Amino acid sequence: MKTTVHDCRLIDLPKISDRQGAITPIYGGVHLPFSIQRVYYLYDVPGGQSRGGHAHRELQQLIVSVMGAFDVVLDDGTERRHIHLDRAYYGLYVPKMIWRELENFSSGGICLVLASLPFDEADYLRDYEAFRREKAS
């Protein structure tokens, strides 16, 4: 199956609120279409700066803005989509073989990433033209 930018989607996450605040619990395989094998977050990204610029051969992700805002640029080698993330109770599901770039970070923005696999450098495609060639094969 060849993934496209249309396979990426926003996922509403549970939000439990009361006068003391809110909590969003996330369970892999329940709220996400994968088991969570790794969690990491990006922070202290200078306002207006970018991150990402790669694709994954097998890894799937849920990208959440837990503080502030940023844009995610999705690219399947043919089509591009821009998604703005600015709430902690929804996330962007990104399947394998989608190029992603995170840009326009607000000052103090924090990006949480839930990943389907542990880190493996061999899973990364960091050259856009190599990504397009592999995607086309």
Protein backbone atom coordinates (compact mmCIF):
# COMPACT_ATOMS: atom_id res chain seq x y z
CA MET A 1 0.00 0.00 0.00
CA LYS A 2 1.37 3.39 -1.01
CA THR A 3 0.58 6.06 1.55
CA THR A 4 -0.54 9.54 0.53
CA VAL A 5 -1.00 12.79 2.40
CA HIS A 6 -4.70 11.87 2.55
CA ASP A 7 -3.83 8.96 4.87
CA CYS A 8 -2.64 11.54 7.43
CA ARG A 9 -5.44 12.64 9.71
CA LEU A 10 -6.22 14.52 12.86
CA ILE A 11 -7.13 12.28 15.78
CA ASP A 12 -9.26 13.66 18.60
CA LEU A 13 -7.75 12.64 21.91
CA PRO A 14 -9.63 12.24 25.19
CA LYS A 15 -9.88 15.43 27.22
CA ILE A 16 -10.94 15.15 30.84
CA SER A 17 -11.49 18.56 32.41
CA ASP A 18 -12.60 19.91 35.74
CA ARG A 19 -11.95 23.10 37.66
CA GLN A 20 -8.44 21.87 38.53
CA GLY A 21 -7.39 21.58 34.89
CA ALA A 22 -7.36 19.00 32.13
CA ILE A 23 -5.68 15.68 31.38
CA THR A 24 -5.36 13.77 28.10
CA PRO A 25 -4.55 10.07 28.49
CA ILE A 26 -3.37 8.30 25.31
CA TYR A 27 -3.31 4.54 24.84
CA GLY A 28 -1.56 2.91 21.88
CA GLY A 29 -3.84 0.57 19.98
CA VAL A 30 -6.89 2.34 21.49
CA HIS A 31 -6.55 6.00 20.53
CA LEU A 32 -3.82 5.32 17.98
CA PRO A 33 -3.60 2.78 15.16
CA PHE A 34 -0.30 1.47 16.59
CA SER A 35 1.37 0.47 19.84
CA ILE A 36 3.60 3.15 21.33
CA GLN A 37 7.26 2.09 21.32
CA ARG A 38 8.91 5.48 21.80
CA VAL A 39 7.96 8.93 23.08
CA TYR A 40 9.97 12.09 22.56
CA TYR A 41 9.38 15.80 22.47
CA LEU A 42 10.92 18.82 20.79
CA TYR A 43 11.30 22.01 22.78
CA ASP A 44 13.41 25.17 22.94
CA VAL A 45 12.99 25.47 19.18
CA PRO A 46 13.55 29.16 18.45
CA GLY A 47 10.37 30.92 17.31
CA GLY A 48 9.83 30.62 13.56
CA GLN A 49 12.36 27.79 13.16
CA SER A 50 11.86 24.39 11.49
CA ARG A 51 12.52 20.72 12.38
CA GLY A 52 12.03 17.42 10.63
CA GLY A 53 12.74 17.19 6.94
CA HIS A 54 12.62 13.42 6.64
CA ALA A 55 10.39 10.37 6.11
CA HIS A 56 10.29 6.93 7.71
CA ARG A 57 10.19 3.63 5.87
CA GLU A 58 8.15 1.82 8.56
CA LEU A 59 7.60 4.08 11.57
CA GLN A 60 4.21 5.69 12.21
CA GLN A 61 3.76 8.76 14.41
CA LEU A 62 1.25 10.86 16.24
CA ILE A 63 2.42 14.49 16.45
CA VAL A 64 0.84 16.70 19.14
CA SER A 65 1.36 20.34 20.04
CA VAL A 66 1.27 20.16 23.83
CA MET A 67 2.17 23.84 24.16
CA GLY A 68 2.18 26.66 21.63
CA ALA A 69 1.76 25.99 17.95
CA PHE A 70 3.55 24.88 14.80
CA ASP A 71 2.75 23.75 11.27
CA VAL A 72 3.35 20.31 9.82
CA VAL A 73 4.08 20.10 6.10
CA LEU A 74 3.22 16.65 4.74
CA ASP A 75 4.47 15.43 1.37
CA ASP A 76 3.92 12.08 -0.36
CA GLY A 77 6.21 12.84 -3.29
CA THR A 78 3.32 14.09 -5.40
CA GLU A 79 1.10 16.22 -3.18
CA ARG A 80 1.69 18.50 -0.17
CA ARG A 81 -0.60 19.42 2.76
CA HIS A 82 -0.12 21.90 5.59
CA ILE A 83 -1.64 21.18 9.01
CA HIS A 84 -1.61 23.69 11.87
CA LEU A 85 -1.35 22.14 15.35
CA ASP A 86 -2.15 24.26 18.39
CA ARG A 87 -4.11 22.12 20.89
CA ALA A 88 -3.02 19.35 23.27
CA TYR A 89 -6.20 17.29 22.78
CA TYR A 90 -5.74 16.32 19.15
CA GLY A 91 -2.82 14.97 17.21
CA LEU A 92 -1.76 14.39 13.65
CA TYR A 93 -1.37 10.77 12.59
CA VAL A 94 1.44 10.32 10.06
CA PRO A 95 1.82 6.86 8.50
CA LYS A 96 5.03 5.49 7.02
CA MET A 97 6.60 6.93 3.86
CA ILE A 98 5.31 10.48 4.28
CA TRP A 99 7.86 13.29 4.23
CA ARG A 100 7.28 15.66 7.13
CA GLU A 101 8.61 19.07 8.10
CA LEU A 102 7.67 21.00 11.23
CA GLU A 103 7.85 24.75 10.83
CA ASN A 104 6.71 28.08 12.25
CA PHE A 105 7.16 27.08 15.89
CA SER A 106 5.69 29.61 18.27
CA SER A 107 7.98 30.78 21.04
CA GLY A 108 7.84 28.17 23.81
CA GLY A 109 6.18 25.60 21.57
CA ILE A 110 6.48 21.94 22.56
CA CYS A 111 5.94 19.09 20.09
CA LEU A 112 5.19 15.64 21.52
CA VAL A 113 5.76 12.64 19.24
CA LEU A 114 4.44 9.14 19.90
CA ALA A 115 6.17 6.61 17.66
CA SER A 116 5.37 3.04 16.64
CA LEU A 117 9.00 1.85 16.69
CA PRO A 118 12.21 2.44 18.64
CA PHE A 119 14.81 4.71 17.03
CA ASP A 120 16.50 3.12 14.02
CA GLU A 121 18.62 5.32 11.75
CA ALA A 122 18.11 2.85 8.87
CA ASP A 123 14.37 3.67 8.93
CA TYR A 124 15.02 7.35 8.10
CA LEU A 125 15.01 8.84 4.62
CA ARG A 126 16.74 12.20 5.05
CA ASP A 127 17.26 13.10 1.37
CA TYR A 128 14.07 14.26 -0.35
CA GLU A 129 15.04 13.02 -3.83
CA ALA A 130 15.99 9.60 -2.42
CA PHE A 131 12.59 9.55 -0.70
CA ARG A 132 10.82 10.30 -3.99
CA ARG A 133 12.75 7.57 -5.80
CA GLU A 134 11.97 4.99 -3.10
CA LYS A 135 8.33 6.08 -3.01
CA ALA A 136 8.03 5.64 -6.79
CA SER A 137 9.53 2.13 -6.81
